[in-house]
Amino acid sequence: AGAAVGLLYAPETGRETRSWLSYQLERYRSVLADLTESLVTSRDNAPSSAQREGQRVIQDAKTKAEQLLGDVDQLISQINSRRLTN
């Protein structure tokens, strides 16, 4: 919430703010993609059946990360479409 308020009162132009936000979202997307890959690798390398619960948690985290990636992609598309219209 604080970041959103900061963006509203930022001294930059709308174009600069959208560019900055797009950059930050791309970085965020990259981190999420790396995390998702790491979670998949961890799950695939689990050596014992005692880690089933851990695998379930990893799968849940992977699903949520993929949802976040989708949200980030959607935000980037919205920012880019606004950039083209301005």
N, C-alpha and C. Protein backbone atom coordinates (compact mmCIF):
# COMPACT_ATOMS: atom_id res chain seq x y z
N ALA A 1 0.82 -1.18 0.00
CA ALA A 1 0.00 0.00 0.00
C ALA A 1 0.87 1.25 0.00
N GLY A 2 1.95 1.21 0.77
CA GLY A 2 2.84 2.36 0.83
C GLY A 2 3.48 2.66 -0.51
N ALA A 3 3.83 1.61 -1.24
CA ALA A 3 4.44 1.80 -2.55
C ALA A 3 3.46 2.45 -3.52
N ALA A 4 2.20 2.04 -3.44
CA ALA A 4 1.18 2.62 -4.32
C ALA A 4 1.00 4.10 -4.03
N VAL A 5 0.96 4.46 -2.76
CA VAL A 5 0.83 5.87 -2.39
C VAL A 5 2.06 6.64 -2.87
N GLY A 6 3.23 6.04 -2.72
CA GLY A 6 4.45 6.68 -3.18
C GLY A 6 4.42 6.93 -4.67
N LEU A 7 3.89 5.99 -5.44
CA LEU A 7 3.78 6.17 -6.88
C LEU A 7 2.82 7.31 -7.23
N LEU A 8 1.76 7.43 -6.46
CA LEU A 8 0.79 8.49 -6.74
C LEU A 8 1.40 9.87 -6.55
N TYR A 9 2.30 10.00 -5.60
CA TYR A 9 2.90 11.29 -5.30
C TYR A 9 4.31 11.44 -5.86
N ALA A 10 4.72 10.53 -6.70
CA ALA A 10 6.07 10.56 -7.27
C ALA A 10 6.22 11.78 -8.18
N PRO A 11 7.41 12.39 -8.17
CA PRO A 11 7.63 13.57 -9.01
C PRO A 11 7.85 13.24 -10.49
N GLU A 12 7.99 11.96 -10.83
CA GLU A 12 8.23 11.58 -12.22
C GLU A 12 6.95 11.69 -13.03
N THR A 13 7.13 11.75 -14.34
CA THR A 13 5.98 11.76 -15.24
C THR A 13 5.35 10.37 -15.25
N GLY A 14 4.16 10.30 -15.78
CA GLY A 14 3.48 9.01 -15.89
C GLY A 14 4.29 8.02 -16.70
N ARG A 15 4.89 8.50 -17.78
CA ARG A 15 5.69 7.61 -18.63
C ARG A 15 6.89 7.07 -17.86
N GLU A 16 7.57 7.94 -17.11
CA GLU A 16 8.73 7.48 -16.32
C GLU A 16 8.30 6.49 -15.24
N THR A 17 7.18 6.77 -14.60
CA THR A 17 6.69 5.88 -13.55
C THR A 17 6.31 4.53 -14.14
N ARG A 18 5.63 4.52 -15.29
CA ARG A 18 5.26 3.25 -15.93
C ARG A 18 6.50 2.49 -16.36
N SER A 19 7.50 3.19 -16.85
CA SER A 19 8.74 2.55 -17.25
C SER A 19 9.42 1.91 -16.04
N TRP A 20 9.49 2.65 -14.95
CA TRP A 20 10.10 2.13 -13.72
C TRP A 20 9.32 0.93 -13.21
N LEU A 21 7.99 1.04 -13.21
CA LEU A 21 7.15 -0.05 -12.73
C LEU A 21 7.30 -1.28 -13.61
N SER A 22 7.37 -1.08 -14.90
CA SER A 22 7.57 -2.20 -15.83
C SER A 22 8.90 -2.89 -15.55
N TYR A 23 9.94 -2.10 -15.34
CA TYR A 23 11.26 -2.66 -15.02
C TYR A 23 11.20 -3.48 -13.73
N GLN A 24 10.58 -2.92 -12.70
CA GLN A 24 10.49 -3.63 -11.42
C GLN A 24 9.69 -4.92 -11.56
N LEU A 25 8.61 -4.88 -12.33
CA LEU A 25 7.80 -6.08 -12.53
C LEU A 25 8.56 -7.14 -13.31
N GLU A 26 9.36 -6.73 -14.29
CA GLU A 26 10.19 -7.69 -15.02
C GLU A 26 11.18 -8.37 -14.08
N ARG A 27 11.79 -7.58 -13.18
CA ARG A 27 12.71 -8.16 -12.19
C ARG A 27 11.97 -9.13 -11.29
N TYR A 28 10.80 -8.73 -10.83
CA TYR A 28 9.96 -9.56 -9.96
C TYR A 28 9.59 -10.86 -10.67
N ARG A 29 9.23 -10.74 -11.95
CA ARG A 29 8.87 -11.92 -12.74
C ARG A 29 10.05 -12.87 -12.84
N SER A 30 11.23 -12.33 -13.06
CA SER A 30 12.43 -13.15 -13.18
C SER A 30 12.71 -13.90 -11.87
N VAL A 31 12.58 -13.20 -10.76
CA VAL A 31 12.81 -13.84 -9.45
C VAL A 31 11.78 -14.94 -9.23
N LEU A 32 10.52 -14.68 -9.56
CA LEU A 32 9.49 -15.69 -9.38
C LEU A 32 9.73 -16.90 -10.28
N ALA A 33 10.15 -16.66 -11.51
CA ALA A 33 10.44 -17.77 -12.42
C ALA A 33 11.59 -18.62 -11.87
N ASP A 34 12.63 -17.96 -11.37
CA ASP A 34 13.75 -18.70 -10.78
C ASP A 34 13.31 -19.49 -9.56
N LEU A 35 12.47 -18.89 -8.73
CA LEU A 35 11.97 -19.56 -7.54
C LEU A 35 11.13 -20.78 -7.92
N THR A 36 10.28 -20.61 -8.92
CA THR A 36 9.45 -21.72 -9.38
C THR A 36 10.32 -22.87 -9.86
N GLU A 37 11.33 -22.56 -10.65
CA GLU A 37 12.25 -23.59 -11.15
C GLU A 37 12.97 -24.27 -9.99
N SER A 38 13.40 -23.50 -9.02
CA SER A 38 14.08 -24.04 -7.85
C SER A 38 13.15 -24.97 -7.07
N LEU A 39 11.89 -24.58 -6.93
CA LEU A 39 10.93 -25.42 -6.23
C LEU A 39 10.70 -26.74 -6.95
N VAL A 40 10.62 -26.69 -8.26
CA VAL A 40 10.42 -27.91 -9.05
C VAL A 40 11.63 -28.82 -8.89
N THR A 41 12.82 -28.25 -8.97
CA THR A 41 14.05 -29.04 -8.82
C THR A 41 14.12 -29.67 -7.44
N SER A 42 13.79 -28.90 -6.42
CA SER A 42 13.80 -29.43 -5.05
C SER A 42 12.83 -30.58 -4.91
N ARG A 43 11.66 -30.43 -5.48
CA ARG A 43 10.65 -31.48 -5.38
C ARG A 43 11.12 -32.74 -6.10
N ASP A 44 11.70 -32.57 -7.27
CA ASP A 44 12.15 -33.72 -8.05
C ASP A 44 13.31 -34.45 -7.40
N ASN A 45 14.09 -33.76 -6.58
CA ASN A 45 15.25 -34.38 -5.94
C ASN A 45 14.96 -34.88 -4.53
N ALA A 46 13.71 -34.85 -4.10
CA ALA A 46 13.37 -35.29 -2.74
C ALA A 46 13.64 -36.79 -2.62
N PRO A 47 14.54 -37.19 -1.70
CA PRO A 47 14.99 -38.58 -1.66
C PRO A 47 14.08 -39.55 -0.92
N SER A 48 13.19 -39.09 -0.05
CA SER A 48 12.44 -40.06 0.74
C SER A 48 10.95 -39.73 0.76
N SER A 49 10.17 -40.75 1.05
CA SER A 49 8.73 -40.55 1.13
C SER A 49 8.34 -39.74 2.36
N ALA A 50 9.24 -39.59 3.31
CA ALA A 50 8.98 -38.78 4.50
C ALA A 50 8.82 -37.31 4.13
N GLN A 51 9.21 -36.95 2.94
CA GLN A 51 9.13 -35.56 2.51
C GLN A 51 7.88 -35.27 1.69
N ARG A 52 6.89 -36.16 1.73
CA ARG A 52 5.66 -35.94 0.97
C ARG A 52 4.98 -34.62 1.34
N GLU A 53 4.94 -34.34 2.63
CA GLU A 53 4.32 -33.08 3.06
C GLU A 53 5.09 -31.89 2.51
N GLY A 54 6.40 -31.99 2.53
CA GLY A 54 7.23 -30.94 1.95
C GLY A 54 6.97 -30.78 0.47
N GLN A 55 6.78 -31.89 -0.22
CA GLN A 55 6.48 -31.83 -1.64
C GLN A 55 5.13 -31.16 -1.89
N ARG A 56 4.17 -31.43 -1.02
CA ARG A 56 2.86 -30.79 -1.16
C ARG A 56 2.99 -29.28 -0.98
N VAL A 57 3.76 -28.88 0.02
CA VAL A 57 3.97 -27.46 0.26
C VAL A 57 4.68 -26.82 -0.93
N ILE A 58 5.67 -27.52 -1.45
CA ILE A 58 6.40 -27.02 -2.62
C ILE A 58 5.46 -26.86 -3.81
N GLN A 59 4.59 -27.85 -4.01
CA GLN A 59 3.64 -27.77 -5.12
C GLN A 59 2.69 -26.59 -4.94
N ASP A 60 2.22 -26.39 -3.71
CA ASP A 60 1.35 -25.24 -3.44
C ASP A 60 2.08 -23.93 -3.73
N ALA A 61 3.33 -23.84 -3.29
CA ALA A 61 4.12 -22.63 -3.52
C ALA A 61 4.35 -22.42 -5.02
N LYS A 62 4.60 -23.50 -5.73
CA LYS A 62 4.81 -23.42 -7.18
C LYS A 62 3.54 -22.91 -7.86
N THR A 63 2.40 -23.43 -7.45
CA THR A 63 1.13 -22.99 -8.03
C THR A 63 0.91 -21.51 -7.78
N LYS A 64 1.16 -21.08 -6.56
CA LYS A 64 0.98 -19.66 -6.23
C LYS A 64 1.97 -18.79 -6.99
N ALA A 65 3.21 -19.26 -7.13
CA ALA A 65 4.22 -18.50 -7.88
C ALA A 65 3.80 -18.37 -9.34
N GLU A 66 3.25 -19.45 -9.91
CA GLU A 66 2.80 -19.39 -11.30
C GLU A 66 1.63 -18.41 -11.45
N GLN A 67 0.75 -18.37 -10.46
CA GLN A 67 -0.34 -17.40 -10.49
C GLN A 67 0.22 -15.98 -10.43
N LEU A 68 1.21 -15.77 -9.57
CA LEU A 68 1.84 -14.45 -9.48
C LEU A 68 2.51 -14.07 -10.79
N LEU A 69 3.16 -15.04 -11.44
CA LEU A 69 3.78 -14.76 -12.74
C LEU A 69 2.73 -14.32 -13.74
N GLY A 70 1.59 -14.98 -13.73
CA GLY A 70 0.50 -14.57 -14.61
C GLY A 70 0.03 -13.16 -14.32
N ASP A 71 -0.09 -12.83 -13.04
CA ASP A 71 -0.50 -11.48 -12.64
C ASP A 71 0.53 -10.45 -13.09
N VAL A 72 1.81 -10.77 -12.91
CA VAL A 72 2.87 -9.85 -13.32
C VAL A 72 2.85 -9.66 -14.83
N ASP A 73 2.68 -10.75 -15.58
CA ASP A 73 2.61 -10.64 -17.04
C ASP A 73 1.45 -9.74 -17.46
N GLN A 74 0.32 -9.88 -16.78
CA GLN A 74 -0.84 -9.06 -17.09
C GLN A 74 -0.56 -7.59 -16.79
N LEU A 75 0.08 -7.31 -15.66
CA LEU A 75 0.42 -5.93 -15.32
C LEU A 75 1.39 -5.33 -16.34
N ILE A 76 2.38 -6.11 -16.74
CA ILE A 76 3.35 -5.63 -17.73
C ILE A 76 2.64 -5.31 -19.04
N SER A 77 1.72 -6.17 -19.45
CA SER A 77 0.97 -5.92 -20.68
C SER A 77 0.16 -4.64 -20.58
N GLN A 78 -0.48 -4.43 -19.43
CA GLN A 78 -1.26 -3.21 -19.24
C GLN A 78 -0.37 -1.98 -19.28
N ILE A 79 0.78 -2.05 -18.63
CA ILE A 79 1.71 -0.92 -18.62
C ILE A 79 2.20 -0.63 -20.03
N ASN A 80 2.58 -1.69 -20.76
CA ASN A 80 3.08 -1.50 -22.12
C ASN A 80 2.01 -0.95 -23.05
N SER A 81 0.76 -1.39 -22.88
CA SER A 81 -0.30 -0.86 -23.75
C SER A 81 -0.56 0.61 -23.44
N ARG A 82 -0.45 1.01 -22.19
CA ARG A 82 -0.62 2.42 -21.84
C ARG A 82 0.54 3.25 -22.36
N ARG A 83 1.73 2.64 -22.35
CA ARG A 83 2.91 3.35 -22.84
C ARG A 83 2.75 3.64 -24.33
N LEU A 84 2.15 2.70 -25.07
CA LEU A 84 1.96 2.89 -26.50
C LEU A 84 0.90 3.95 -26.80
N THR A 85 -0.09 4.08 -25.92
CA THR A 85 -1.16 5.05 -26.17
C THR A 85 -0.79 6.45 -25.73
N ASN A 86 0.26 6.59 -24.91
CA ASN A 86 0.65 7.92 -24.42
C ASN A 86 1.78 8.47 -25.21
